[in-house]
Amino acid sequence: MAKLRVTLSKSLIGKKEDHIATVKALGLRKIGQSVDHEDTPQIRGMIEKIKYMVKVEEI
C-alpha cells in the first residue's frame, strides 16, 4: 500500500477547533514537521479537510 508524507506548512493559530484537532490527530505539532501515514480513505479525508494547511507527497 502507498504511503503519504504529510507536512504542516501553516500555523494553527486562529484556525477552527476541529481543524486543529484534525492536525493533532495526524500527529503534527510544529510547522515543518512531517509524518508518514498509510494511504487510506480515512487519512485522505482528514487531509482534504485541512489541505490549506498541509503539504502532501506520496512516498
C-alpha atoms as a PDB file:
ATOM      1  CA  MET A   1       0.000   0.000   0.000  1.00  0.00           C
ATOM      2  CA  ALA A   2       1.160   3.518  -0.772  1.00  0.00           C
ATOM      3  CA  LYS A   3       2.311   5.892   1.928  1.00  0.00           C
ATOM      4  CA  LEU A   4       1.784   9.607   2.251  1.00  0.00           C
ATOM      5  CA  ARG A   5       4.122  12.125   3.840  1.00  0.00           C
ATOM      6  CA  VAL A   6       2.127  14.981   5.384  1.00  0.00           C
ATOM      7  CA  THR A   7       3.960  18.191   6.334  1.00  0.00           C
ATOM      8  CA  LEU A   8       2.423  21.024   8.357  1.00  0.00           C
ATOM      9  CA  SER A   9       3.056  24.244   6.445  1.00  0.00           C
ATOM     10  CA  LYS A  10       0.871  26.830   8.226  1.00  0.00           C
ATOM     11  CA  SER A  11       0.313  27.863  11.828  1.00  0.00           C
ATOM     12  CA  LEU A  12      -2.662  26.571  13.821  1.00  0.00           C
ATOM     13  CA  ILE A  13      -3.232  29.986  15.429  1.00  0.00           C
ATOM     14  CA  GLY A  14      -6.718  31.319  14.700  1.00  0.00           C
ATOM     15  CA  LYS A  15      -7.908  28.168  12.934  1.00  0.00           C
ATOM     16  CA  LYS A  16     -11.167  26.321  13.653  1.00  0.00           C
ATOM     17  CA  GLU A  17     -11.067  23.945  16.618  1.00  0.00           C
ATOM     18  CA  ASP A  18     -11.977  20.907  14.519  1.00  0.00           C
ATOM     19  CA  HIS A  19      -9.181  21.718  12.056  1.00  0.00           C
ATOM     20  CA  ILE A  20      -6.685  21.965  14.928  1.00  0.00           C
ATOM     21  CA  ALA A  21      -7.950  18.627  16.266  1.00  0.00           C
ATOM     22  CA  THR A  22      -7.514  17.050  12.816  1.00  0.00           C
ATOM     23  CA  VAL A  23      -3.907  18.282  12.574  1.00  0.00           C
ATOM     24  CA  LYS A  24      -3.147  16.871  16.034  1.00  0.00           C
ATOM     25  CA  ALA A  25      -4.868  13.564  15.158  1.00  0.00           C
ATOM     26  CA  LEU A  26      -2.494  13.266  12.197  1.00  0.00           C
ATOM     27  CA  GLY A  27       0.396  13.599  14.665  1.00  0.00           C
ATOM     28  CA  LEU A  28       1.572  17.065  13.647  1.00  0.00           C
ATOM     29  CA  ARG A  29       2.686  19.660  16.198  1.00  0.00           C
ATOM     30  CA  LYS A  30       5.168  22.126  14.685  1.00  0.00           C
ATOM     31  CA  ILE A  31       5.361  23.907  11.355  1.00  0.00           C
ATOM     32  CA  GLY A  32       7.694  21.958   9.080  1.00  0.00           C
ATOM     33  CA  GLN A  33       7.139  18.662  10.910  1.00  0.00           C
ATOM     34  CA  SER A  34       6.373  15.651   8.695  1.00  0.00           C
ATOM     35  CA  VAL A  35       4.631  12.360   9.436  1.00  0.00           C
ATOM     36  CA  ASP A  36       4.109   9.289   7.263  1.00  0.00           C
ATOM     37  CA  HIS A  37       0.704   7.602   7.017  1.00  0.00           C
ATOM     38  CA  GLU A  38      -0.783   4.749   5.019  1.00  0.00           C
ATOM     39  CA  ASP A  39      -2.896   5.976   2.094  1.00  0.00           C
ATOM     40  CA  THR A  40      -6.378   5.125   3.403  1.00  0.00           C
ATOM     41  CA  PRO A  41      -9.739   6.829   2.770  1.00  0.00           C
ATOM     42  CA  GLN A  42      -9.787   7.987   6.410  1.00  0.00           C
ATOM     43  CA  ILE A  43      -6.387   9.696   6.148  1.00  0.00           C
ATOM     44  CA  ARG A  44      -7.313  11.196   2.764  1.00  0.00           C
ATOM     45  CA  GLY A  45     -10.479  12.644   4.323  1.00  0.00           C
ATOM     46  CA  MET A  46      -8.505  14.226   7.153  1.00  0.00           C
ATOM     47  CA  ILE A  47      -6.028  15.698   4.676  1.00  0.00           C
ATOM     48  CA  GLU A  48      -8.866  17.023   2.481  1.00  0.00           C
ATOM     49  CA  LYS A  49     -10.324  18.880   5.474  1.00  0.00           C
ATOM     50  CA  ILE A  50      -7.061  20.710   6.239  1.00  0.00           C
ATOM     51  CA  LYS A  51      -5.466  20.772   2.778  1.00  0.00           C
ATOM     52  CA  TYR A  52      -4.854  24.532   3.031  1.00  0.00           C
ATOM     53  CA  MET A  53      -2.500  23.929   5.990  1.00  0.00           C
ATOM     54  CA  VAL A  54      -0.516  20.887   4.846  1.00  0.00           C
ATOM     55  CA  LYS A  55       1.712  19.702   2.021  1.00  0.00           C
ATOM     56  CA  VAL A  56       1.246  16.075   0.913  1.00  0.00           C
ATOM     57  CA  GLU A  57       3.571  13.879  -1.110  1.00  0.00           C
ATOM     58  CA  GLU A  58       3.461  10.189  -1.994  1.00  0.00           C
ATOM     59  CA  ILE A  59       6.429   8.097  -0.929  1.00  0.00           C
END
